[in-house]
Amino acid sequence: KKRFADAVEDIRTGKLSGAMGTYTVITPAVEARACEILG
C-alpha cells in the first residue's frame, strides 16, 4: 500500500508545456494554474 500510494502521488503530475516542453506559446504560469485547478 505504501509503495502504491507513493506511485499515485508520483503520477499526480500534469504537463501543459507545449510541443517540445519549452512553452513556445503557453506559459509556465498558465501550466501551473491549470494544474492547480485540476489538483
All heavy atoms as atom14 arrays in JSON, in Angstrom:
{
  "sequence": "KKRFADAVEDIRTGKLSGAMGTYTVITPAVEARACEILG",
  "atom14_mask": [
    [1, 1, 1, 1, 1, 1, 1, 1, 1, 0, 0, 0, 0, 0],
    [1, 1, 1, 1, 1, 1, 1, 1, 1, 0, 0, 0, 0, 0],
    [1, 1, 1, 1, 1, 1, 1, 1, 1, 1, 1, 0, 0, 0],
    [1, 1, 1, 1, 1, 1, 1, 1, 1, 1, 1, 0, 0, 0],
    [1, 1, 1, 1, 1, 0, 0, 0, 0, 0, 0, 0, 0, 0],
    [1, 1, 1, 1, 1, 1, 1, 1, 0, 0, 0, 0, 0, 0],
    [1, 1, 1, 1, 1, 0, 0, 0, 0, 0, 0, 0, 0, 0],
    [1, 1, 1, 1, 1, 1, 1, 0, 0, 0, 0, 0, 0, 0],
    [1, 1, 1, 1, 1, 1, 1, 1, 1, 0, 0, 0, 0, 0],
    [1, 1, 1, 1, 1, 1, 1, 1, 0, 0, 0, 0, 0, 0],
    [1, 1, 1, 1, 1, 1, 1, 1, 0, 0, 0, 0, 0, 0],
    [1, 1, 1, 1, 1, 1, 1, 1, 1, 1, 1, 0, 0, 0],
    [1, 1, 1, 1, 1, 1, 1, 0, 0, 0, 0, 0, 0, 0],
    [1, 1, 1, 1, 0, 0, 0, 0, 0, 0, 0, 0, 0, 0],
    [1, 1, 1, 1, 1, 1, 1, 1, 1, 0, 0, 0, 0, 0],
    [1, 1, 1, 1, 1, 1, 1, 1, 0, 0, 0, 0, 0, 0],
    [1, 1, 1, 1, 1, 1, 0, 0, 0, 0, 0, 0, 0, 0],
    [1, 1, 1, 1, 0, 0, 0, 0, 0, 0, 0, 0, 0, 0],
    [1, 1, 1, 1, 1, 0, 0, 0, 0, 0, 0, 0, 0, 0],
    [1, 1, 1, 1, 1, 1, 1, 1, 0, 0, 0, 0, 0, 0],
    [1, 1, 1, 1, 0, 0, 0, 0, 0, 0, 0, 0, 0, 0],
    [1, 1, 1, 1, 1, 1, 1, 0, 0, 0, 0, 0, 0, 0],
    [1, 1, 1, 1, 1, 1, 1, 1, 1, 1, 1, 1, 0, 0],
    [1, 1, 1, 1, 1, 1, 1, 0, 0, 0, 0, 0, 0, 0],
    [1, 1, 1, 1, 1, 1, 1, 0, 0, 0, 0, 0, 0, 0],
    [1, 1, 1, 1, 1, 1, 1, 1, 0, 0, 0, 0, 0, 0],
    [1, 1, 1, 1, 1, 1, 1, 0, 0, 0, 0, 0, 0, 0],
    [1, 1, 1, 1, 1, 1, 1, 0, 0, 0, 0, 0, 0, 0],
    [1, 1, 1, 1, 1, 0, 0, 0, 0, 0, 0, 0, 0, 0],
    [1, 1, 1, 1, 1, 1, 1, 0, 0, 0, 0, 0, 0, 0],
    [1, 1, 1, 1, 1, 1, 1, 1, 1, 0, 0, 0, 0, 0],
    [1, 1, 1, 1, 1, 0, 0, 0, 0, 0, 0, 0, 0, 0],
    [1, 1, 1, 1, 1, 1, 1, 1, 1, 1, 1, 0, 0, 0],
    [1, 1, 1, 1, 1, 0, 0, 0, 0, 0, 0, 0, 0, 0],
    [1, 1, 1, 1, 1, 1, 0, 0, 0, 0, 0, 0, 0, 0],
    [1, 1, 1, 1, 1, 1, 1, 1, 1, 0, 0, 0, 0, 0],
    [1, 1, 1, 1, 1, 1, 1, 1, 0, 0, 0, 0, 0, 0],
    [1, 1, 1, 1, 1, 1, 1, 1, 0, 0, 0, 0, 0, 0],
    [1, 1, 1, 1, 0, 0, 0, 0, 0, 0, 0, 0, 0, 0]
  ],
  "atom14_positions": [
    [[0.82, -1.2, 0.0], [0.0, 0.0, 0.0], [0.86, 1.26, 0.0], [0.58, 2.22, -0.74], [-0.93, 0.0, 1.22], [-1.82, 1.24, 1.29], [-2.62, 1.3, 2.58], [-3.35, 2.64, 2.66], [-4.06, 2.81, 3.95], [0.0, 0.0, 0.0], [0.0, 0.0, 0.0], [0.0, 0.0, 0.0], [0.0, 0.0, 0.0], [0.0, 0.0, 0.0]],
    [[1.91, 1.26, 0.8], [2.8, 2.43, 0.86], [3.48, 2.65, -0.48], [3.55, 3.79, -0.97], [3.85, 2.25, 1.96], [4.79, 3.45, 2.09], [5.82, 3.23, 3.17], [6.7, 4.47, 3.35], [7.39, 4.87, 2.11], [0.0, 0.0, 0.0], [0.0, 0.0, 0.0], [0.0, 0.0, 0.0], [0.0, 0.0, 0.0], [0.0, 0.0, 0.0]],
    [[3.99, 1.57, -1.09], [4.63, 1.72, -2.39], [3.66, 2.29, -3.41], [4.0, 3.18, -4.2], [5.15, 0.35, -2.88], [6.52, -0.02, -2.35], [7.03, -1.28, -3.01], [6.29, -2.46, -2.57], [6.7, -3.28, -1.61], [7.85, -3.05, -0.99], [5.99, -4.33, -1.27], [0.0, 0.0, 0.0], [0.0, 0.0, 0.0], [0.0, 0.0, 0.0]],
    [[2.44, 1.76, -3.42], [1.48, 2.22, -4.42], [1.01, 3.64, -4.12], [0.8, 4.43, -5.05], [0.29, 1.27, -4.5], [-0.67, 1.61, -5.61], [-0.23, 1.62, -6.93], [-1.98, 1.94, -5.34], [-1.11, 1.95, -7.97], [-2.86, 2.27, -6.36], [-2.43, 2.27, -7.68], [0.0, 0.0, 0.0], [0.0, 0.0, 0.0], [0.0, 0.0, 0.0]],
    [[0.85, 3.99, -2.85], [0.49, 5.37, -2.5], [1.55, 6.34, -3.01], [1.24, 7.43, -3.51], [0.3, 5.51, -1.0], [0.0, 0.0, 0.0], [0.0, 0.0, 0.0], [0.0, 0.0, 0.0], [0.0, 0.0, 0.0], [0.0, 0.0, 0.0], [0.0, 0.0, 0.0], [0.0, 0.0, 0.0], [0.0, 0.0, 0.0], [0.0, 0.0, 0.0]],
    [[2.81, 5.97, -2.87], [3.9, 6.8, -3.4], [3.79, 6.93, -4.92], [4.02, 8.0, -5.48], [5.26, 6.2, -3.04], [5.57, 6.3, -1.55], [4.91, 7.1, -0.85], [6.46, 5.56, -1.08], [0.0, 0.0, 0.0], [0.0, 0.0, 0.0], [0.0, 0.0, 0.0], [0.0, 0.0, 0.0], [0.0, 0.0, 0.0], [0.0, 0.0, 0.0]],
    [[3.44, 5.83, -5.58], [3.31, 5.85, -7.04], [2.13, 6.72, -7.48], [2.21, 7.43, -8.5], [3.14, 4.43, -7.57], [0.0, 0.0, 0.0], [0.0, 0.0, 0.0], [0.0, 0.0, 0.0], [0.0, 0.0, 0.0], [0.0, 0.0, 0.0], [0.0, 0.0, 0.0], [0.0, 0.0, 0.0], [0.0, 0.0, 0.0], [0.0, 0.0, 0.0]],
    [[1.04, 6.68, -6.73], [-0.12, 7.52, -7.06], [0.26, 8.99, -6.92], [-0.11, 9.83, -7.76], [-1.33, 7.17, -6.17], [-2.46, 8.17, -6.36], [-1.81, 5.75, -6.48], [0.0, 0.0, 0.0], [0.0, 0.0, 0.0], [0.0, 0.0, 0.0], [0.0, 0.0, 0.0], [0.0, 0.0, 0.0], [0.0, 0.0, 0.0], [0.0, 0.0, 0.0]],
    [[1.0, 9.31, -5.88], [1.44, 10.69, -5.71], [2.4, 11.09, -6.83], [2.36, 12.23, -7.33], [2.11, 10.86, -4.35], [2.64, 12.26, -4.06], [1.57, 13.34, -4.08], [0.37, 13.0, -3.91], [1.94, 14.51, -4.28], [0.0, 0.0, 0.0], [0.0, 0.0, 0.0], [0.0, 0.0, 0.0], [0.0, 0.0, 0.0], [0.0, 0.0, 0.0]],
    [[3.23, 10.17, -7.26], [4.18, 10.44, -8.34], [3.47, 10.71, -9.65], [3.87, 11.58, -10.44], [5.13, 9.25, -8.48], [6.38, 9.57, -9.28], [6.74, 10.76, -9.36], [7.0, 8.64, -9.81], [0.0, 0.0, 0.0], [0.0, 0.0, 0.0], [0.0, 0.0, 0.0], [0.0, 0.0, 0.0], [0.0, 0.0, 0.0], [0.0, 0.0, 0.0]],
    [[2.4, 9.96, -9.91], [1.67, 10.11, -11.18], [0.75, 11.32, -11.15], [0.24, 11.74, -12.18], [0.88, 8.82, -11.5], [0.68, 8.68, -13.02], [-0.47, 8.8, -10.81], [1.92, 8.39, -13.79], [0.0, 0.0, 0.0], [0.0, 0.0, 0.0], [0.0, 0.0, 0.0], [0.0, 0.0, 0.0], [0.0, 0.0, 0.0], [0.0, 0.0, 0.0]],
    [[0.56, 11.92, -9.97], [-0.33, 13.09, -9.85], [0.39, 14.33, -10.42], [0.58, 15.33, -9.74], [-0.73, 13.3, -8.39], [-1.89, 14.27, -8.19], [-2.28, 14.37, -6.72], [-1.2, 14.9, -5.89], [-0.94, 16.2, -5.74], [-1.67, 17.11, -6.39], [0.05, 16.59, -4.95], [0.0, 0.0, 0.0], [0.0, 0.0, 0.0], [0.0, 0.0, 0.0]],
    [[0.76, 14.22, -11.68], [1.6, 15.22, -12.34], [1.04, 15.56, -13.7], [0.83, 14.67, -14.53], [3.04, 14.7, -12.49], [3.55, 14.34, -11.2], [3.94, 15.74, -13.12], [0.0, 0.0, 0.0], [0.0, 0.0, 0.0], [0.0, 0.0, 0.0], [0.0, 0.0, 0.0], [0.0, 0.0, 0.0], [0.0, 0.0, 0.0], [0.0, 0.0, 0.0]],
    [[0.8, 16.85, -13.94], [0.33, 17.3, -15.24], [1.44, 17.93, -16.05], [2.49, 18.33, -15.52], [0.0, 0.0, 0.0], [0.0, 0.0, 0.0], [0.0, 0.0, 0.0], [0.0, 0.0, 0.0], [0.0, 0.0, 0.0], [0.0, 0.0, 0.0], [0.0, 0.0, 0.0], [0.0, 0.0, 0.0], [0.0, 0.0, 0.0], [0.0, 0.0, 0.0]],
    [[1.19, 18.06, -17.33], [2.17, 18.62, -18.26], [1.43, 19.45, -19.3], [0.63, 18.92, -20.07], [2.97, 17.49, -18.9], [4.01, 17.95, -19.91], [3.5, 17.96, -21.33], [4.58, 18.49, -22.26], [4.06, 18.83, -23.6], [0.0, 0.0, 0.0], [0.0, 0.0, 0.0], [0.0, 0.0, 0.0], [0.0, 0.0, 0.0], [0.0, 0.0, 0.0]],
    [[1.65, 20.76, -19.31], [0.99, 21.66, -20.26], [2.02, 22.66, -20.77], [1.84, 23.88, -20.66], [-0.19, 22.37, -19.57], [-1.29, 21.44, -19.03], [-2.15, 22.16, -18.01], [-2.13, 20.9, -20.17], [0.0, 0.0, 0.0], [0.0, 0.0, 0.0], [0.0, 0.0, 0.0], [0.0, 0.0, 0.0], [0.0, 0.0, 0.0], [0.0, 0.0, 0.0]],
    [[3.11, 22.12, -21.33], [4.24, 22.97, -21.71], [4.5, 23.02, -23.21], [5.54, 23.47, -23.66], [5.5, 22.49, -21.0], [5.68, 21.09, -21.19], [0.0, 0.0, 0.0], [0.0, 0.0, 0.0], [0.0, 0.0, 0.0], [0.0, 0.0, 0.0], [0.0, 0.0, 0.0], [0.0, 0.0, 0.0], [0.0, 0.0, 0.0], [0.0, 0.0, 0.0]],
    [[3.53, 22.53, -23.99], [3.64, 22.68, -25.43], [4.38, 21.56, -26.13], [4.74, 20.54, -25.53], [0.0, 0.0, 0.0], [0.0, 0.0, 0.0], [0.0, 0.0, 0.0], [0.0, 0.0, 0.0], [0.0, 0.0, 0.0], [0.0, 0.0, 0.0], [0.0, 0.0, 0.0], [0.0, 0.0, 0.0], [0.0, 0.0, 0.0], [0.0, 0.0, 0.0]],
    [[4.63, 21.78, -27.41], [5.06, 20.71, -28.32], [6.35, 20.03, -27.91], [6.47, 18.81, -28.02], [5.19, 21.27, -29.73], [0.0, 0.0, 0.0], [0.0, 0.0, 0.0], [0.0, 0.0, 0.0], [0.0, 0.0, 0.0], [0.0, 0.0, 0.0], [0.0, 0.0, 0.0], [0.0, 0.0, 0.0], [0.0, 0.0, 0.0], [0.0, 0.0, 0.0]],
    [[7.34, 20.76, -27.47], [8.59, 20.15, -27.02], [8.84, 20.35, -25.54], [9.91, 20.02, -25.02], [9.78, 20.73, -27.8], [9.85, 20.32, -29.26], [10.16, 18.55, -29.49], [8.58, 18.01, -30.16], [0.0, 0.0, 0.0], [0.0, 0.0, 0.0], [0.0, 0.0, 0.0], [0.0, 0.0, 0.0], [0.0, 0.0, 0.0], [0.0, 0.0, 0.0]],
    [[7.87, 20.92, -24.85], [8.02, 21.16, -23.43], [8.71, 22.47, -23.1], [9.1, 22.7, -21.95], [0.0, 0.0, 0.0], [0.0, 0.0, 0.0], [0.0, 0.0, 0.0], [0.0, 0.0, 0.0], [0.0, 0.0, 0.0], [0.0, 0.0, 0.0], [0.0, 0.0, 0.0], [0.0, 0.0, 0.0], [0.0, 0.0, 0.0], [0.0, 0.0, 0.0]],
    [[8.84, 23.36, -24.09], [9.6, 24.61, -23.92], [8.71, 25.85, -23.87], [9.21, 26.96, -23.94], [10.63, 24.75, -25.03], [9.96, 24.68, -26.3], [11.69, 23.64, -24.96], [0.0, 0.0, 0.0], [0.0, 0.0, 0.0], [0.0, 0.0, 0.0], [0.0, 0.0, 0.0], [0.0, 0.0, 0.0], [0.0, 0.0, 0.0], [0.0, 0.0, 0.0]],
    [[7.39, 25.67, -23.77], [6.45, 26.79, -23.63], [6.54, 27.76, -24.82], [6.66, 28.97, -24.66], [6.71, 27.55, -22.32], [6.7, 26.68, -21.09], [7.89, 26.24, -20.51], [5.51, 26.29, -20.48], [7.9, 25.44, -19.38], [5.5, 25.49, -19.35], [6.7, 25.07, -18.8], [6.7, 24.28, -17.67], [0.0, 0.0, 0.0], [0.0, 0.0, 0.0]],
    [[6.44, 27.22, -26.03], [6.5, 28.06, -27.23], [5.37, 29.09, -27.23], [5.59, 30.27, -27.56], [6.41, 27.2, -28.49], [7.47, 26.23, -28.46], [6.55, 28.05, -29.75], [0.0, 0.0, 0.0], [0.0, 0.0, 0.0], [0.0, 0.0, 0.0], [0.0, 0.0, 0.0], [0.0, 0.0, 0.0], [0.0, 0.0, 0.0], [0.0, 0.0, 0.0]],
    [[4.18, 28.7, -26.87], [3.02, 29.6, -26.83], [2.49, 29.71, -25.41], [2.32, 30.8, -24.87], [1.91, 29.12, -27.78], [0.66, 30.01, -27.65], [2.4, 29.12, -29.23], [0.0, 0.0, 0.0], [0.0, 0.0, 0.0], [0.0, 0.0, 0.0], [0.0, 0.0, 0.0], [0.0, 0.0, 0.0], [0.0, 0.0, 0.0], [0.0, 0.0, 0.0]],
    [[2.21, 28.56, -24.82], [1.69, 28.56, -23.44], [2.81, 28.98, -22.5], [4.0, 28.99, -22.88], [1.17, 27.15, -23.1], [0.14, 27.19, -21.97], [2.32, 26.19, -22.79], [-0.63, 25.9, -21.79], [0.0, 0.0, 0.0], [0.0, 0.0, 0.0], [0.0, 0.0, 0.0], [0.0, 0.0, 0.0], [0.0, 0.0, 0.0], [0.0, 0.0, 0.0]],
    [[2.47, 29.35, -21.28], [3.47, 29.84, -20.32], [3.52, 28.96, -19.08], [2.54, 28.27, -18.76], [3.14, 31.28, -19.89], [1.93, 31.24, -19.09], [2.94, 32.19, -21.09], [0.0, 0.0, 0.0], [0.0, 0.0, 0.0], [0.0, 0.0, 0.0], [0.0, 0.0, 0.0], [0.0, 0.0, 0.0], [0.0, 0.0, 0.0], [0.0, 0.0, 0.0]],
    [[4.63, 28.98, -18.36], [4.69, 28.23, -17.1], [3.6, 28.64, -16.13], [3.08, 27.8, -15.37], [6.08, 28.58, -16.56], [6.9, 28.88, -17.77], [5.95, 29.57, -18.71], [0.0, 0.0, 0.0], [0.0, 0.0, 0.0], [0.0, 0.0, 0.0], [0.0, 0.0, 0.0], [0.0, 0.0, 0.0], [0.0, 0.0, 0.0], [0.0, 0.0, 0.0]],
    [[3.23, 29.91, -16.14], [2.19, 30.38, -15.22], [0.84, 29.75, -15.56], [0.08, 29.37, -14.66], [2.1, 31.9, -15.26], [0.0, 0.0, 0.0], [0.0, 0.0, 0.0], [0.0, 0.0, 0.0], [0.0, 0.0, 0.0], [0.0, 0.0, 0.0], [0.0, 0.0, 0.0], [0.0, 0.0, 0.0], [0.0, 0.0, 0.0], [0.0, 0.0, 0.0]],
    [[0.53, 29.65, -16.85], [-0.72, 29.03, -17.26], [-0.71, 27.55, -16.92], [-1.7, 27.0, -16.42], [-0.96, 29.25, -18.78], [-2.14, 28.4, -19.26], [-1.23, 30.72, -19.07], [0.0, 0.0, 0.0], [0.0, 0.0, 0.0], [0.0, 0.0, 0.0], [0.0, 0.0, 0.0], [0.0, 0.0, 0.0], [0.0, 0.0, 0.0], [0.0, 0.0, 0.0]],
    [[0.4, 26.89, -17.18], [0.53, 25.47, -16.83], [0.3, 25.27, -15.33], [-0.47, 24.39, -14.92], [1.9, 24.95, -17.22], [2.12, 23.49, -16.82], [3.55, 23.03, -17.04], [4.49, 23.71, -16.56], [3.73, 21.98, -17.68], [0.0, 0.0, 0.0], [0.0, 0.0, 0.0], [0.0, 0.0, 0.0], [0.0, 0.0, 0.0], [0.0, 0.0, 0.0]],
    [[0.98, 26.06, -14.51], [0.89, 25.9, -13.07], [-0.54, 26.12, -12.58], [-1.05, 25.37, -11.73], [1.85, 26.86, -12.37], [0.0, 0.0, 0.0], [0.0, 0.0, 0.0], [0.0, 0.0, 0.0], [0.0, 0.0, 0.0], [0.0, 0.0, 0.0], [0.0, 0.0, 0.0], [0.0, 0.0, 0.0], [0.0, 0.0, 0.0], [0.0, 0.0, 0.0]],
    [[-1.19, 27.14, -13.12], [-2.55, 27.45, -12.68], [-3.54, 26.38, -13.14], [-4.4, 25.96, -12.35], [-2.97, 28.83, -13.23], [-4.41, 29.22, -12.9], [-4.66, 29.26, -11.41], [-6.04, 29.6, -11.11], [-6.75, 29.05, -10.15], [-6.21, 28.12, -9.35], [-8.01, 29.4, -9.94], [0.0, 0.0, 0.0], [0.0, 0.0, 0.0], [0.0, 0.0, 0.0]],
    [[-3.4, 25.9, -14.36], [-4.3, 24.85, -14.86], [-4.14, 23.58, -14.04], [-5.13, 22.93, -13.68], [-4.04, 24.58, -16.33], [0.0, 0.0, 0.0], [0.0, 0.0, 0.0], [0.0, 0.0, 0.0], [0.0, 0.0, 0.0], [0.0, 0.0, 0.0], [0.0, 0.0, 0.0], [0.0, 0.0, 0.0], [0.0, 0.0, 0.0], [0.0, 0.0, 0.0]],
    [[-2.9, 23.22, -13.73], [-2.67, 22.03, -12.92], [-3.25, 22.21, -11.51], [-3.81, 21.27, -10.93], [-1.18, 21.71, -12.85], [-0.51, 21.0, -14.37], [0.0, 0.0, 0.0], [0.0, 0.0, 0.0], [0.0, 0.0, 0.0], [0.0, 0.0, 0.0], [0.0, 0.0, 0.0], [0.0, 0.0, 0.0], [0.0, 0.0, 0.0], [0.0, 0.0, 0.0]],
    [[-3.11, 23.41, -10.97], [-3.69, 23.69, -9.65], [-5.2, 23.5, -9.68], [-5.79, 22.92, -8.76], [-3.35, 25.11, -9.24], [-3.89, 25.5, -7.87], [-3.61, 26.95, -7.51], [-3.33, 27.76, -8.43], [-3.69, 27.29, -6.32], [0.0, 0.0, 0.0], [0.0, 0.0, 0.0], [0.0, 0.0, 0.0], [0.0, 0.0, 0.0], [0.0, 0.0, 0.0]],
    [[-5.85, 23.99, -10.72], [-7.29, 23.83, -10.87], [-7.67, 22.35, -10.88], [-8.68, 21.94, -10.31], [-7.78, 24.53, -12.15], [-7.66, 26.05, -12.01], [-9.22, 24.15, -12.48], [-7.85, 26.82, -13.3], [0.0, 0.0, 0.0], [0.0, 0.0, 0.0], [0.0, 0.0, 0.0], [0.0, 0.0, 0.0], [0.0, 0.0, 0.0], [0.0, 0.0, 0.0]],
    [[-6.83, 21.55, -11.53], [-7.1, 20.12, -11.68], [-6.67, 19.29, -10.47], [-6.94, 18.1, -10.41], [-6.39, 19.6, -12.92], [-6.88, 20.16, -14.26], [-5.9, 19.81, -15.37], [-8.28, 19.64, -14.58], [0.0, 0.0, 0.0], [0.0, 0.0, 0.0], [0.0, 0.0, 0.0], [0.0, 0.0, 0.0], [0.0, 0.0, 0.0], [0.0, 0.0, 0.0]],
    [[-5.98, 19.91, -9.52], [-5.49, 19.18, -8.37], [-4.24, 18.37, -8.66], [-3.97, 17.36, -7.99], [0.0, 0.0, 0.0], [0.0, 0.0, 0.0], [0.0, 0.0, 0.0], [0.0, 0.0, 0.0], [0.0, 0.0, 0.0], [0.0, 0.0, 0.0], [0.0, 0.0, 0.0], [0.0, 0.0, 0.0], [0.0, 0.0, 0.0], [0.0, 0.0, 0.0]]
  ]
}
